[in-house]
Amino acid sequence: MFDDGAKMMLFFAGVAAVVLSMAAEQNAPREALSTDVNTAGLPALPLAADLVSGPAQASVSSGPVALGDGFEAELLYGYVLEGRAVTRREFRTDATSSISPLDLGIV
């Protein structure tokens, strides 16, 4: 029915369609990510961090914290750091993207 050239053309057209649809999904407009955190129920953080000694970290005694969508976290440590965000990646479709939709690379 199809010769080898037509089969290859159909194959590459299908691959191109998949790649373009994935790129369109990644770059599609989406509602603004909420970065507001309700800190009322969180323990106090260490006071400050400096560039010489690294992040300030302290143990916290806290119960579980509701993250929404049925997720819960138990806080073990609080920390403060200073740095520069060098990469940013948004997640949409994995299982935890509803509670952690943003990944930052910090140096």
C-alpha atoms as a PDB file:
ATOM      1  CA  MET A   1       0.000   0.000   0.000  1.00  0.00           C
ATOM      2  CA  PHE A   2       2.778   2.464   0.975  1.00  0.00           C
ATOM      3  CA  ASP A   3       6.310   2.330  -0.346  1.00  0.00           C
ATOM      4  CA  ASP A   4       9.302   2.783   1.992  1.00  0.00           C
ATOM      5  CA  GLY A   5       9.592   6.506   1.266  1.00  0.00           C
ATOM      6  CA  ALA A   6       5.953   7.137   2.170  1.00  0.00           C
ATOM      7  CA  LYS A   7       6.268   5.082   5.370  1.00  0.00           C
ATOM      8  CA  MET A   8       9.314   7.094   6.443  1.00  0.00           C
ATOM      9  CA  MET A   9       7.538  10.349   5.649  1.00  0.00           C
ATOM     10  CA  LEU A  10       4.499   9.303   7.732  1.00  0.00           C
ATOM     11  CA  PHE A  11       6.757   8.233  10.605  1.00  0.00           C
ATOM     12  CA  PHE A  12       8.669  11.528  10.685  1.00  0.00           C
ATOM     13  CA  ALA A  13       5.441  13.532  10.367  1.00  0.00           C
ATOM     14  CA  GLY A  14       4.043  11.651  13.384  1.00  0.00           C
ATOM     15  CA  VAL A  15       7.205  12.239  15.430  1.00  0.00           C
ATOM     16  CA  ALA A  16       7.149  15.942  14.524  1.00  0.00           C
ATOM     17  CA  ALA A  17       3.484  16.197  15.570  1.00  0.00           C
ATOM     18  CA  VAL A  18       4.244  14.631  18.972  1.00  0.00           C
ATOM     19  CA  VAL A  19       7.244  16.901  19.570  1.00  0.00           C
ATOM     20  CA  LEU A  20       5.314  20.025  18.589  1.00  0.00           C
ATOM     21  CA  SER A  21       2.352  19.114  20.803  1.00  0.00           C
ATOM     22  CA  MET A  22       4.682  18.542  23.772  1.00  0.00           C
ATOM     23  CA  ALA A  23       6.368  21.909  23.186  1.00  0.00           C
ATOM     24  CA  ALA A  24       3.003  23.634  22.889  1.00  0.00           C
ATOM     25  CA  GLU A  25       1.847  22.122  26.211  1.00  0.00           C
ATOM     26  CA  GLN A  26       5.030  23.213  27.982  1.00  0.00           C
ATOM     27  CA  ASN A  27       4.772  26.783  26.692  1.00  0.00           C
ATOM     28  CA  ALA A  28       1.002  27.151  26.864  1.00  0.00           C
ATOM     29  CA  PRO A  29      -0.353  29.974  29.010  1.00  0.00           C
ATOM     30  CA  ARG A  30      -1.257  28.946  32.510  1.00  0.00           C
ATOM     31  CA  GLU A  31      -2.660  30.682  35.500  1.00  0.00           C
ATOM     32  CA  ALA A  32      -0.104  32.430  37.659  1.00  0.00           C
ATOM     33  CA  LEU A  33       1.630  30.189  40.171  1.00  0.00           C
ATOM     34  CA  SER A  34       0.708  31.046  43.701  1.00  0.00           C
ATOM     35  CA  THR A  35       3.804  31.677  45.781  1.00  0.00           C
ATOM     36  CA  ASP A  36       1.952  32.935  48.830  1.00  0.00           C
ATOM     37  CA  VAL A  37       2.644  30.838  51.900  1.00  0.00           C
ATOM     38  CA  ASN A  38       0.476  30.967  54.991  1.00  0.00           C
ATOM     39  CA  THR A  39       3.146  31.211  57.655  1.00  0.00           C
ATOM     40  CA  ALA A  40       0.767  31.531  60.611  1.00  0.00           C
ATOM     41  CA  GLY A  41       0.984  27.822  61.466  1.00  0.00           C
ATOM     42  CA  LEU A  42       4.696  27.423  60.774  1.00  0.00           C
ATOM     43  CA  PRO A  43       7.460  27.503  63.399  1.00  0.00           C
ATOM     44  CA  ALA A  44       9.892  30.422  63.572  1.00  0.00           C
ATOM     45  CA  LEU A  45      12.817  30.337  61.154  1.00  0.00           C
ATOM     46  CA  PRO A  46      16.485  30.974  61.961  1.00  0.00           C
ATOM     47  CA  LEU A  47      17.221  34.688  61.947  1.00  0.00           C
ATOM     48  CA  ALA A  48      19.574  35.064  58.977  1.00  0.00           C
ATOM     49  CA  ALA A  49      22.052  33.388  56.676  1.00  0.00           C
ATOM     50  CA  ASP A  50      25.387  34.666  55.450  1.00  0.00           C
ATOM     51  CA  LEU A  51      27.401  33.840  52.367  1.00  0.00           C
ATOM     52  CA  VAL A  52      30.447  32.595  54.308  1.00  0.00           C
ATOM     53  CA  SER A  53      28.932  29.931  56.553  1.00  0.00           C
ATOM     54  CA  GLY A  54      26.082  28.862  54.258  1.00  0.00           C
ATOM     55  CA  PRO A  55      22.415  28.338  55.064  1.00  0.00           C
ATOM     56  CA  ALA A  56      21.137  28.835  58.600  1.00  0.00           C
ATOM     57  CA  GLN A  57      19.335  25.711  59.766  1.00  0.00           C
ATOM     58  CA  ALA A  58      17.493  24.854  62.969  1.00  0.00           C
ATOM     59  CA  SER A  59      15.450  21.894  64.177  1.00  0.00           C
ATOM     60  CA  VAL A  60      11.763  22.625  64.602  1.00  0.00           C
ATOM     61  CA  SER A  61       9.131  20.888  66.659  1.00  0.00           C
ATOM     62  CA  SER A  62       5.987  20.990  64.616  1.00  0.00           C
ATOM     63  CA  GLY A  63       3.136  18.683  63.777  1.00  0.00           C
ATOM     64  CA  PRO A  64       1.970  17.861  60.285  1.00  0.00           C
ATOM     65  CA  VAL A  65       1.241  20.726  57.894  1.00  0.00           C
ATOM     66  CA  ALA A  66      -1.582  20.398  55.355  1.00  0.00           C
ATOM     67  CA  LEU A  67      -0.374  21.170  51.834  1.00  0.00           C
ATOM     68  CA  GLY A  68      -3.712  20.767  50.081  1.00  0.00           C
ATOM     69  CA  ASP A  69      -5.063  18.127  47.695  1.00  0.00           C
ATOM     70  CA  GLY A  70      -4.751  15.513  50.461  1.00  0.00           C
ATOM     71  CA  PHE A  71      -0.986  16.004  50.909  1.00  0.00           C
ATOM     72  CA  GLU A  72       0.663  16.520  54.283  1.00  0.00           C
ATOM     73  CA  ALA A  73       4.230  17.293  55.309  1.00  0.00           C
ATOM     74  CA  GLU A  74       5.987  17.004  58.623  1.00  0.00           C
ATOM     75  CA  LEU A  75       8.502  19.758  59.197  1.00  0.00           C
ATOM     76  CA  LEU A  76      11.833  18.647  60.616  1.00  0.00           C
ATOM     77  CA  TYR A  77      14.103  21.624  59.959  1.00  0.00           C
ATOM     78  CA  GLY A  78      13.691  25.278  59.144  1.00  0.00           C
ATOM     79  CA  TYR A  79      16.309  27.030  57.082  1.00  0.00           C
ATOM     80  CA  VAL A  80      17.156  30.372  55.553  1.00  0.00           C
ATOM     81  CA  LEU A  81      19.553  30.825  52.674  1.00  0.00           C
ATOM     82  CA  GLU A  82      20.823  33.553  50.410  1.00  0.00           C
ATOM     83  CA  GLY A  83      21.492  32.811  46.782  1.00  0.00           C
ATOM     84  CA  ARG A  84      20.565  33.438  43.190  1.00  0.00           C
ATOM     85  CA  ALA A  85      17.980  31.444  41.259  1.00  0.00           C
ATOM     86  CA  VAL A  86      19.730  30.348  38.056  1.00  0.00           C
ATOM     87  CA  THR A  87      17.100  27.966  36.683  1.00  0.00           C
ATOM     88  CA  ARG A  88      13.344  27.702  36.904  1.00  0.00           C
ATOM     89  CA  ARG A  89      11.176  24.793  35.822  1.00  0.00           C
ATOM     90  CA  GLU A  90       7.415  24.496  36.074  1.00  0.00           C
ATOM     91  CA  PHE A  91       5.694  21.152  36.451  1.00  0.00           C
ATOM     92  CA  ARG A  92       2.133  20.489  35.296  1.00  0.00           C
ATOM     93  CA  THR A  93       1.365  16.837  34.864  1.00  0.00           C
ATOM     94  CA  ASP A  94       3.231  14.810  37.472  1.00  0.00           C
ATOM     95  CA  ALA A  95       1.587  13.556  40.651  1.00  0.00           C
ATOM     96  CA  THR A  96       2.909  16.287  42.954  1.00  0.00           C
ATOM     97  CA  SER A  97       2.667  19.304  40.645  1.00  0.00           C
ATOM     98  CA  SER A  98      -0.441  20.492  42.492  1.00  0.00           C
ATOM     99  CA  ILE A  99       1.576  21.081  45.690  1.00  0.00           C
ATOM    100  CA  SER A 100       5.008  21.786  44.199  1.00  0.00           C
ATOM    101  CA  PRO A 101       4.621  23.191  40.696  1.00  0.00           C
ATOM    102  CA  LEU A 102       7.921  25.091  40.627  1.00  0.00           C
ATOM    103  CA  ASP A 103      11.540  23.929  40.867  1.00  0.00           C
ATOM    104  CA  LEU A 104      14.313  26.469  41.347  1.00  0.00           C
ATOM    105  CA  GLY A 105      18.045  25.900  40.884  1.00  0.00           C
ATOM    106  CA  ILE A 106      19.781  28.106  43.462  1.00  0.00           C
ATOM    107  CA  VAL A 107      23.489  28.859  43.742  1.00  0.00           C
END
